[in-house]
N, C-alpha and C. Protein backbone atom coordinates (compact mmCIF):
# COMPACT_ATOMS: atom_id res chain seq x y z
N MET A 1 200.72 9.49 137.14
CA MET A 1 201.25 8.25 136.61
C MET A 1 200.07 7.32 136.30
N PRO A 2 200.01 6.81 135.09
CA PRO A 2 198.88 5.93 134.74
C PRO A 2 198.98 4.59 135.44
N ARG A 3 197.83 4.03 135.76
CA ARG A 3 197.80 2.71 136.38
C ARG A 3 197.88 1.65 135.29
N ILE A 4 198.51 0.55 135.63
CA ILE A 4 198.60 -0.56 134.68
C ILE A 4 197.32 -1.37 134.78
N ARG A 5 196.68 -1.57 133.65
CA ARG A 5 195.42 -2.32 133.59
C ARG A 5 195.75 -3.81 133.53
N PRO A 6 195.25 -4.59 134.49
CA PRO A 6 195.53 -6.03 134.48
C PRO A 6 195.05 -6.69 133.18
N GLU A 7 195.77 -7.67 132.73
CA GLU A 7 195.45 -8.34 131.46
C GLU A 7 194.06 -8.97 131.45
N PHE A 8 193.60 -9.50 132.59
CA PHE A 8 192.30 -10.17 132.60
C PHE A 8 191.16 -9.21 132.28
N THR A 9 191.37 -7.91 132.49
CA THR A 9 190.30 -6.94 132.21
C THR A 9 190.09 -6.75 130.71
N LYS A 10 191.02 -7.20 129.90
CA LYS A 10 190.92 -7.08 128.45
C LYS A 10 190.26 -8.29 127.81
N SER A 11 189.93 -9.29 128.62
CA SER A 11 189.35 -10.53 128.13
C SER A 11 187.85 -10.37 127.87
N PRO A 12 187.33 -11.04 126.85
CA PRO A 12 185.88 -11.00 126.61
C PRO A 12 185.10 -11.73 127.71
N TYR A 13 185.77 -12.51 128.55
CA TYR A 13 185.11 -13.22 129.65
C TYR A 13 184.92 -12.33 130.88
N PHE A 14 185.63 -11.21 130.92
CA PHE A 14 185.60 -10.32 132.09
C PHE A 14 184.34 -9.47 132.11
N VAL A 15 183.69 -9.41 133.28
CA VAL A 15 182.50 -8.57 133.47
C VAL A 15 182.84 -7.52 134.53
N ASP A 16 182.80 -6.26 134.12
CA ASP A 16 183.19 -5.14 134.99
C ASP A 16 181.95 -4.47 135.57
N GLU A 17 181.32 -5.15 136.52
CA GLU A 17 180.19 -4.55 137.23
C GLU A 17 180.75 -3.86 138.47
N PRO A 18 180.30 -2.64 138.75
CA PRO A 18 180.81 -1.94 139.94
C PRO A 18 180.63 -2.77 141.21
N GLY A 19 181.74 -3.03 141.87
CA GLY A 19 181.70 -3.79 143.12
C GLY A 19 181.47 -5.28 142.93
N ASN A 20 181.46 -5.76 141.69
CA ASN A 20 181.19 -7.18 141.44
C ASN A 20 181.94 -7.67 140.21
N TRP A 21 183.26 -7.54 140.23
CA TRP A 21 184.05 -8.05 139.11
C TRP A 21 183.94 -9.57 139.11
N HIS A 22 183.69 -10.14 137.94
CA HIS A 22 183.65 -11.59 137.81
C HIS A 22 183.88 -11.98 136.36
N LEU A 23 183.97 -13.28 136.15
CA LEU A 23 184.19 -13.81 134.81
C LEU A 23 182.95 -14.56 134.35
N LYS A 24 182.71 -14.53 133.06
CA LYS A 24 181.59 -15.27 132.50
C LYS A 24 181.89 -16.77 132.56
N THR A 25 180.84 -17.57 132.50
CA THR A 25 180.97 -19.02 132.50
C THR A 25 181.82 -19.44 131.31
N GLY A 26 182.72 -20.38 131.54
CA GLY A 26 183.57 -20.90 130.47
C GLY A 26 184.91 -20.20 130.37
N ALA A 27 185.21 -19.29 131.29
CA ALA A 27 186.49 -18.59 131.28
C ALA A 27 187.62 -19.59 131.53
N PRO A 28 188.75 -19.43 130.85
CA PRO A 28 189.89 -20.33 131.07
C PRO A 28 190.36 -20.30 132.52
N LYS A 29 190.86 -21.44 132.99
CA LYS A 29 191.33 -21.58 134.37
C LYS A 29 192.41 -20.55 134.71
N GLU A 30 193.32 -20.27 133.77
CA GLU A 30 194.40 -19.32 134.00
C GLU A 30 193.84 -17.92 134.29
N LEU A 31 192.78 -17.58 133.57
CA LEU A 31 192.14 -16.28 133.76
C LEU A 31 191.47 -16.20 135.13
N GLN A 32 190.86 -17.29 135.56
CA GLN A 32 190.23 -17.34 136.88
C GLN A 32 191.28 -17.17 137.97
N ILE A 33 192.41 -17.81 137.81
CA ILE A 33 193.49 -17.72 138.79
C ILE A 33 194.03 -16.29 138.85
N GLU A 34 194.20 -15.66 137.68
CA GLU A 34 194.71 -14.29 137.63
C GLU A 34 193.75 -13.32 138.32
N LEU A 35 192.44 -13.46 138.07
CA LEU A 35 191.45 -12.60 138.71
C LEU A 35 191.44 -12.82 140.22
N ASP A 36 191.45 -14.07 140.66
CA ASP A 36 191.45 -14.37 142.10
C ASP A 36 192.69 -13.79 142.78
N SER A 37 193.84 -13.93 142.15
CA SER A 37 195.09 -13.41 142.73
C SER A 37 195.03 -11.88 142.85
N TYR A 38 194.50 -11.24 141.81
CA TYR A 38 194.40 -9.79 141.84
C TYR A 38 193.45 -9.32 142.95
N LEU A 39 192.29 -9.94 143.04
CA LEU A 39 191.31 -9.54 144.05
C LEU A 39 191.84 -9.78 145.47
N ASN A 40 192.57 -10.90 145.66
CA ASN A 40 193.16 -11.18 146.97
C ASN A 40 194.25 -10.18 147.33
N SER A 41 194.95 -9.66 146.32
CA SER A 41 196.02 -8.70 146.58
C SER A 41 195.48 -7.34 147.02
N LEU A 42 194.20 -7.10 146.82
CA LEU A 42 193.60 -5.83 147.20
C LEU A 42 193.20 -5.79 148.67
N GLY A 43 193.37 -6.89 149.38
CA GLY A 43 192.99 -6.95 150.79
C GLY A 43 193.71 -5.90 151.62
N ASP A 44 193.06 -5.44 152.66
CA ASP A 44 193.64 -4.43 153.54
C ASP A 44 194.73 -5.05 154.41
N VAL A 45 195.81 -4.31 154.57
CA VAL A 45 196.88 -4.72 155.47
C VAL A 45 196.71 -3.89 156.72
N ASP A 46 196.22 -4.49 157.78
CA ASP A 46 195.93 -3.77 159.02
C ASP A 46 196.87 -4.20 160.13
N GLU A 47 198.14 -4.05 159.91
CA GLU A 47 199.10 -4.40 160.95
C GLU A 47 199.45 -3.15 161.74
N PRO A 48 199.62 -3.27 163.06
CA PRO A 48 200.00 -2.10 163.86
C PRO A 48 201.33 -1.51 163.37
N GLY A 49 201.39 -0.20 163.30
CA GLY A 49 202.62 0.49 162.89
C GLY A 49 202.82 0.52 161.39
N THR A 50 201.75 0.30 160.61
CA THR A 50 201.88 0.35 159.16
C THR A 50 200.85 1.31 158.57
N ILE A 51 201.20 1.87 157.45
CA ILE A 51 200.28 2.67 156.65
C ILE A 51 200.33 2.08 155.25
N ASN A 52 199.21 1.57 154.79
CA ASN A 52 199.14 0.90 153.48
C ASN A 52 200.18 -0.22 153.37
N GLY A 53 200.41 -0.93 154.47
CA GLY A 53 201.32 -2.06 154.47
C GLY A 53 202.78 -1.69 154.61
N ILE A 54 203.09 -0.40 154.75
CA ILE A 54 204.47 0.04 154.89
C ILE A 54 204.74 0.32 156.37
N HIS A 55 205.76 -0.31 156.89
CA HIS A 55 206.09 -0.15 158.31
C HIS A 55 206.60 1.26 158.59
N ILE A 56 206.06 1.89 159.61
CA ILE A 56 206.44 3.23 160.00
C ILE A 56 207.13 3.16 161.36
N ASP A 57 208.39 3.62 161.41
CA ASP A 57 209.10 3.68 162.69
C ASP A 57 208.62 4.91 163.45
N TYR A 58 208.39 4.74 164.73
CA TYR A 58 208.00 5.86 165.56
C TYR A 58 208.69 5.73 166.90
N PRO A 59 208.89 6.87 167.55
CA PRO A 59 209.66 6.85 168.81
C PRO A 59 209.04 6.02 169.90
């Protein structure tokens, strides 16, 4: 299944450096918010009893 490419990655302001995604100076505020939201959503969910944020019932 193909992954959906976020819209901000298609912007001329987007810089795709490995391990250092960022926007060029002068990027619109909406684009900055979209990038920040996306990067924050990639955070690890390390709750006990979960795998990738999905709760697993166990005996």
